[in-house]
Amino acid sequence: MPKLLSEAQEEGYGRDGYVSPIDVLTSDEVKVFRQELEDWENQRGQAIDFPEKSKSYLLFN
């Protein structure tokens, strides 16, 4: 398995107990998903609110 963490990340993990940030999505993916969310909000006529606000992954495939 290839090494995934940089030396600085390893040091930070050893010191802090976590590694952050870790990019999971590309900026293009974020733009697409953000647009889908904004389109959904516009269709509803209001901004996303609880419980969807903390579980927006349930709204989309």
PDB file of N, CA and C in Angstrom:
ATOM      1  N   MET A   1       0.848  -1.174   0.000  1.00  0.00           N
ATOM      2  CA  MET A   1       0.000   0.000   0.000  1.00  0.00           C
ATOM      3  C   MET A   1       0.896   1.240   0.000  1.00  0.00           C
ATOM      4  N   PRO A   2       0.596   2.213  -0.857  1.00  0.00           N
ATOM      5  CA  PRO A   2       1.432   3.413  -0.899  1.00  0.00           C
ATOM      6  C   PRO A   2       1.237   4.276   0.340  1.00  0.00           C
ATOM      7  N   LYS A   3       2.248   5.038   0.638  1.00  0.00           N
ATOM      8  CA  LYS A   3       2.171   5.965   1.760  1.00  0.00           C
ATOM      9  C   LYS A   3       1.204   7.086   1.393  1.00  0.00           C
ATOM     10  N   LEU A   4       0.257   7.372   2.265  1.00  0.00           N
ATOM     11  CA  LEU A   4      -0.759   8.362   1.973  1.00  0.00           C
ATOM     12  C   LEU A   4      -0.563   9.676   2.710  1.00  0.00           C
ATOM     13  N   LEU A   5       0.123   9.660   3.828  1.00  0.00           N
ATOM     14  CA  LEU A   5       0.316  10.860   4.625  1.00  0.00           C
ATOM     15  C   LEU A   5       1.707  11.434   4.410  1.00  0.00           C
ATOM     16  N   SER A   6       1.788  12.742   4.397  1.00  0.00           N
ATOM     17  CA  SER A   6       3.090  13.393   4.319  1.00  0.00           C
ATOM     18  C   SER A   6       3.761  13.312   5.694  1.00  0.00           C
ATOM     19  N   GLU A   7       5.005  13.653   5.724  1.00  0.00           N
ATOM     20  CA  GLU A   7       5.734  13.647   7.000  1.00  0.00           C
ATOM     21  C   GLU A   7       5.101  14.636   7.979  1.00  0.00           C
ATOM     22  N   ALA A   8       4.705  15.798   7.466  1.00  0.00           N
ATOM     23  CA  ALA A   8       4.070  16.807   8.327  1.00  0.00           C
ATOM     24  C   ALA A   8       2.739  16.299   8.872  1.00  0.00           C
ATOM     25  N   GLN A   9       1.973  15.583   8.045  1.00  0.00           N
ATOM     26  CA  GLN A   9       0.706  15.024   8.514  1.00  0.00           C
ATOM     27  C   GLN A   9       0.939  13.967   9.588  1.00  0.00           C
ATOM     28  N   GLU A  10       1.955  13.140   9.387  1.00  0.00           N
ATOM     29  CA  GLU A  10       2.289  12.124  10.392  1.00  0.00           C
ATOM     30  C   GLU A  10       2.672  12.784  11.713  1.00  0.00           C
ATOM     31  N   GLU A  11       3.480  13.838  11.632  1.00  0.00           N
ATOM     32  CA  GLU A  11       3.887  14.551  12.846  1.00  0.00           C
ATOM     33  C   GLU A  11       2.667  15.178  13.531  1.00  0.00           C
ATOM     34  N   GLY A  12       1.778  15.775  12.735  1.00  0.00           N
ATOM     35  CA  GLY A  12       0.572  16.374  13.290  1.00  0.00           C
ATOM     36  C   GLY A  12      -0.314  15.341  13.954  1.00  0.00           C
ATOM     37  N   TYR A  13      -0.419  14.173  13.322  1.00  0.00           N
ATOM     38  CA  TYR A  13      -1.217  13.098  13.924  1.00  0.00           C
ATOM     39  C   TYR A  13      -0.602  12.650  15.248  1.00  0.00           C
ATOM     40  N   GLY A  14       0.713  12.487  15.260  1.00  0.00           N
ATOM     41  CA  GLY A  14       1.381  12.083  16.491  1.00  0.00           C
ATOM     42  C   GLY A  14       1.191  13.101  17.604  1.00  0.00           C
ATOM     43  N   ARG A  15       1.172  14.367  17.242  1.00  0.00           N
ATOM     44  CA  ARG A  15       1.031  15.446  18.221  1.00  0.00           C
ATOM     45  C   ARG A  15      -0.430  15.671  18.615  1.00  0.00           C
ATOM     46  N   ASP A  16      -1.338  15.693  17.608  1.00  0.00           N
ATOM     47  CA  ASP A  16      -2.723  16.108  17.847  1.00  0.00           C
ATOM     48  C   ASP A  16      -3.727  14.963  17.908  1.00  0.00           C
ATOM     49  N   GLY A  17      -3.370  13.821  17.319  1.00  0.00           N
ATOM     50  CA  GLY A  17      -4.276  12.681  17.324  1.00  0.00           C
ATOM     51  C   GLY A  17      -5.252  12.652  16.164  1.00  0.00           C
ATOM     52  N   TYR A  18      -5.103  13.578  15.204  1.00  0.00           N
ATOM     53  CA  TYR A  18      -5.959  13.577  14.010  1.00  0.00           C
ATOM     54  C   TYR A  18      -5.219  14.255  12.860  1.00  0.00           C
ATOM     55  N   VAL A  19      -5.701  14.034  11.658  1.00  0.00           N
ATOM     56  CA  VAL A  19      -5.149  14.668  10.467  1.00  0.00           C
ATOM     57  C   VAL A  19      -6.258  15.494   9.830  1.00  0.00           C
ATOM     58  N   SER A  20      -5.951  16.740   9.558  1.00  0.00           N
ATOM     59  CA  SER A  20      -6.949  17.618   8.951  1.00  0.00           C
ATOM     60  C   SER A  20      -6.242  18.727   8.198  1.00  0.00           C
ATOM     61  N   PRO A  21      -6.767  19.199   7.116  1.00  0.00           N
ATOM     62  CA  PRO A  21      -7.921  18.676   6.388  1.00  0.00           C
ATOM     63  C   PRO A  21      -7.509  17.544   5.452  1.00  0.00           C
ATOM     64  N   ILE A  22      -8.466  16.721   5.111  1.00  0.00           N
ATOM     65  CA  ILE A  22      -8.270  15.676   4.109  1.00  0.00           C
ATOM     66  C   ILE A  22      -9.297  15.941   3.017  1.00  0.00           C
ATOM     67  N   ASP A  23      -8.822  16.279   1.835  1.00  0.00           N
ATOM     68  CA  ASP A  23      -9.733  16.541   0.724  1.00  0.00           C
ATOM     69  C   ASP A  23     -10.352  15.234   0.256  1.00  0.00           C
ATOM     70  N   VAL A  24     -11.669  15.200   0.227  1.00  0.00           N
ATOM     71  CA  VAL A  24     -12.411  14.017  -0.193  1.00  0.00           C
ATOM     72  C   VAL A  24     -12.994  14.224  -1.583  1.00  0.00           C
ATOM     73  N   LEU A  25     -13.381  15.463  -1.874  1.00  0.00           N
ATOM     74  CA  LEU A  25     -13.970  15.807  -3.162  1.00  0.00           C
ATOM     75  C   LEU A  25     -13.078  16.810  -3.880  1.00  0.00           C
ATOM     76  N   THR A  26     -13.101  16.759  -5.200  1.00  0.00           N
ATOM     77  CA  THR A  26     -12.393  17.776  -5.971  1.00  0.00           C
ATOM     78  C   THR A  26     -13.201  19.065  -5.950  1.00  0.00           C
ATOM     79  N   SER A  27     -12.585  20.161  -6.304  1.00  0.00           N
ATOM     80  CA  SER A  27     -13.324  21.426  -6.328  1.00  0.00           C
ATOM     81  C   SER A  27     -14.444  21.388  -7.363  1.00  0.00           C
ATOM     82  N   ASP A  28     -14.250  20.673  -8.468  1.00  0.00           N
ATOM     83  CA  ASP A  28     -15.320  20.531  -9.462  1.00  0.00           C
ATOM     84  C   ASP A  28     -16.506  19.745  -8.901  1.00  0.00           C
ATOM     85  N   GLU A  29     -16.230  18.696  -8.141  1.00  0.00           N
ATOM     86  CA  GLU A  29     -17.311  17.922  -7.519  1.00  0.00           C
ATOM     87  C   GLU A  29     -18.078  18.783  -6.522  1.00  0.00           C
ATOM     88  N   VAL A  30     -17.357  19.574  -5.758  1.00  0.00           N
ATOM     89  CA  VAL A  30     -18.004  20.448  -4.780  1.00  0.00           C
ATOM     90  C   VAL A  30     -18.923  21.434  -5.491  1.00  0.00           C
ATOM     91  N   LYS A  31     -18.458  22.003  -6.596  1.00  0.00           N
ATOM     92  CA  LYS A  31     -19.287  22.950  -7.351  1.00  0.00           C
ATOM     93  C   LYS A  31     -20.580  22.298  -7.832  1.00  0.00           C
ATOM     94  N   VAL A  32     -20.484  21.078  -8.353  1.00  0.00           N
ATOM     95  CA  VAL A  32     -21.664  20.368  -8.847  1.00  0.00           C
ATOM     96  C   VAL A  32     -22.646  20.103  -7.712  1.00  0.00           C
ATOM     97  N   PHE A  33     -22.148  19.577  -6.599  1.00  0.00           N
ATOM     98  CA  PHE A  33     -23.028  19.250  -5.478  1.00  0.00           C
ATOM     99  C   PHE A  33     -23.628  20.502  -4.849  1.00  0.00           C
ATOM    100  N   ARG A  34     -22.837  21.566  -4.773  1.00  0.00           N
ATOM    101  CA  ARG A  34     -23.342  22.829  -4.230  1.00  0.00           C
ATOM    102  C   ARG A  34     -24.482  23.352  -5.109  1.00  0.00           C
ATOM    103  N   GLN A  35     -24.292  23.261  -6.433  1.00  0.00           N
ATOM    104  CA  GLN A  35     -25.331  23.727  -7.346  1.00  0.00           C
ATOM    105  C   GLN A  35     -26.609  22.895  -7.201  1.00  0.00           C
ATOM    106  N   GLU A  36     -26.464  21.581  -7.042  1.00  0.00           N
ATOM    107  CA  GLU A  36     -27.631  20.720  -6.834  1.00  0.00           C
ATOM    108  C   GLU A  36     -28.389  21.131  -5.567  1.00  0.00           C
ATOM    109  N   LEU A  37     -27.656  21.418  -4.521  1.00  0.00           N
ATOM    110  CA  LEU A  37     -28.286  21.832  -3.264  1.00  0.00           C
ATOM    111  C   LEU A  37     -28.996  23.173  -3.432  1.00  0.00           C
ATOM    112  N   GLU A  38     -28.336  24.122  -4.081  1.00  0.00           N
ATOM    113  CA  GLU A  38     -28.958  25.424  -4.285  1.00  0.00           C
ATOM    114  C   GLU A  38     -30.191  25.318  -5.181  1.00  0.00           C
ATOM    115  N   ASP A  39     -30.141  24.467  -6.196  1.00  0.00           N
ATOM    116  CA  ASP A  39     -31.314  24.236  -7.051  1.00  0.00           C
ATOM    117  C   ASP A  39     -32.465  23.661  -6.232  1.00  0.00           C
ATOM    118  N   TRP A  40     -32.160  22.713  -5.362  1.00  0.00           N
ATOM    119  CA  TRP A  40     -33.183  22.100  -4.507  1.00  0.00           C
ATOM    120  C   TRP A  40     -33.808  23.153  -3.591  1.00  0.00           C
ATOM    121  N   GLU A  41     -32.961  24.008  -3.016  1.00  0.00           N
ATOM    122  CA  GLU A  41     -33.476  25.072  -2.154  1.00  0.00           C
ATOM    123  C   GLU A  41     -34.382  26.020  -2.943  1.00  0.00           C
ATOM    124  N   ASN A  42     -33.974  26.363  -4.154  1.00  0.00           N
ATOM    125  CA  ASN A  42     -34.788  27.259  -4.985  1.00  0.00           C
ATOM    126  C   ASN A  42     -36.130  26.629  -5.330  1.00  0.00           C
ATOM    127  N   GLN A  43     -36.155  25.325  -5.578  1.00  0.00           N
ATOM    128  CA  GLN A  43     -37.410  24.637  -5.876  1.00  0.00           C
ATOM    129  C   GLN A  43     -38.346  24.664  -4.671  1.00  0.00           C
ATOM    130  N   ARG A  44     -37.777  24.551  -3.489  1.00  0.00           N
ATOM    131  CA  ARG A  44     -38.584  24.593  -2.258  1.00  0.00           C
ATOM    132  C   ARG A  44     -38.992  26.009  -1.889  1.00  0.00           C
ATOM    133  N   GLY A  45     -38.245  27.003  -2.377  1.00  0.00           N
ATOM    134  CA  GLY A  45     -38.531  28.389  -2.047  1.00  0.00           C
ATOM    135  C   GLY A  45     -37.962  28.832  -0.713  1.00  0.00           C
ATOM    136  N   GLN A  46     -37.076  28.026  -0.142  1.00  0.00           N
ATOM    137  CA  GLN A  46     -36.436  28.397   1.122  1.00  0.00           C
ATOM    138  C   GLN A  46     -35.130  27.638   1.278  1.00  0.00           C
ATOM    139  N   ALA A  47     -34.293  28.182   2.138  1.00  0.00           N
ATOM    140  CA  ALA A  47     -32.997  27.547   2.398  1.00  0.00           C
ATOM    141  C   ALA A  47     -33.177  26.249   3.167  1.00  0.00           C
ATOM    142  N   ILE A  48     -32.207  25.376   3.034  1.00  0.00           N
ATOM    143  CA  ILE A  48     -32.220  24.100   3.740  1.00  0.00           C
ATOM    144  C   ILE A  48     -32.203  24.362   5.255  1.00  0.00           C
ATOM    145  N   ASP A  49     -32.912  23.532   6.011  1.00  0.00           N
ATOM    146  CA  ASP A  49     -32.987  23.697   7.458  1.00  0.00           C
ATOM    147  C   ASP A  49     -32.905  22.321   8.110  1.00  0.00           C
ATOM    148  N   PHE A  50     -32.904  22.273   9.415  1.00  0.00           N
ATOM    149  CA  PHE A  50     -32.846  21.020  10.154  1.00  0.00           C
ATOM    150  C   PHE A  50     -34.079  20.184   9.829  1.00  0.00           C
ATOM    151  N   PRO A  51     -34.023  18.879   9.681  1.00  0.00           N
ATOM    152  CA  PRO A  51     -32.850  18.027   9.851  1.00  0.00           C
ATOM    153  C   PRO A  51     -32.004  17.893   8.593  1.00  0.00           C
ATOM    154  N   GLU A  52     -32.513  18.375   7.443  1.00  0.00           N
ATOM    155  CA  GLU A  52     -31.748  18.229   6.212  1.00  0.00           C
ATOM    156  C   GLU A  52     -30.396  18.937   6.284  1.00  0.00           C
ATOM    157  N   LYS A  53     -30.332  20.023   7.028  1.00  0.00           N
ATOM    158  CA  LYS A  53     -29.088  20.792   7.107  1.00  0.00           C
ATOM    159  C   LYS A  53     -27.935  19.942   7.621  1.00  0.00           C
ATOM    160  N   SER A  54     -28.212  19.058   8.547  1.00  0.00           N
ATOM    161  CA  SER A  54     -27.144  18.219   9.085  1.00  0.00           C
ATOM    162  C   SER A  54     -27.107  16.842   8.430  1.00  0.00           C
ATOM    163  N   LYS A  55     -28.067  16.559   7.545  1.00  0.00           N
ATOM    164  CA  LYS A  55     -28.112  15.253   6.875  1.00  0.00           C
ATOM    165  C   LYS A  55     -28.430  15.426   5.392  1.00  0.00           C
ATOM    166  N   SER A  56     -27.802  16.413   4.764  1.00  0.00           N
ATOM    167  CA  SER A  56     -28.118  16.706   3.362  1.00  0.00           C
ATOM    168  C   SER A  56     -27.789  15.537   2.435  1.00  0.00           C
ATOM    169  N   TYR A  57     -26.943  14.630   2.879  1.00  0.00           N
ATOM    170  CA  TYR A  57     -26.620  13.455   2.073  1.00  0.00           C
ATOM    171  C   TYR A  57     -27.858  12.583   1.842  1.00  0.00           C
ATOM    172  N   LEU A  58     -28.887  12.735   2.656  1.00  0.00           N
ATOM    173  CA  LEU A  58     -30.115  11.960   2.482  1.00  0.00           C
ATOM    174  C   LEU A  58     -30.987  12.499   1.347  1.00  0.00           C
ATOM    175  N   LEU A  59     -30.720  13.706   0.891  1.00  0.00           N
ATOM    176  CA  LEU A  59     -31.552  14.342  -0.122  1.00  0.00           C
ATOM    177  C   LEU A  59     -31.176  13.929  -1.541  1.00  0.00           C
ATOM    178  N   PHE A  60     -29.977  13.444  -1.735  1.00  0.00           N
ATOM    179  CA  PHE A  60     -29.456  13.221  -3.084  1.00  0.00           C
ATOM    180  C   PHE A  60     -28.917  11.798  -3.229  1.00  0.00           C
ATOM    181  N   ASN A  61     -28.903  11.346  -4.496  1.00  0.00           N
ATOM    182  CA  ASN A  61     -28.300  10.035  -4.785  1.00  0.00           C
ATOM    183  C   ASN A  61     -26.809  10.071  -4.613  1.00  0.00           C
TER     184      ASN A  61
END
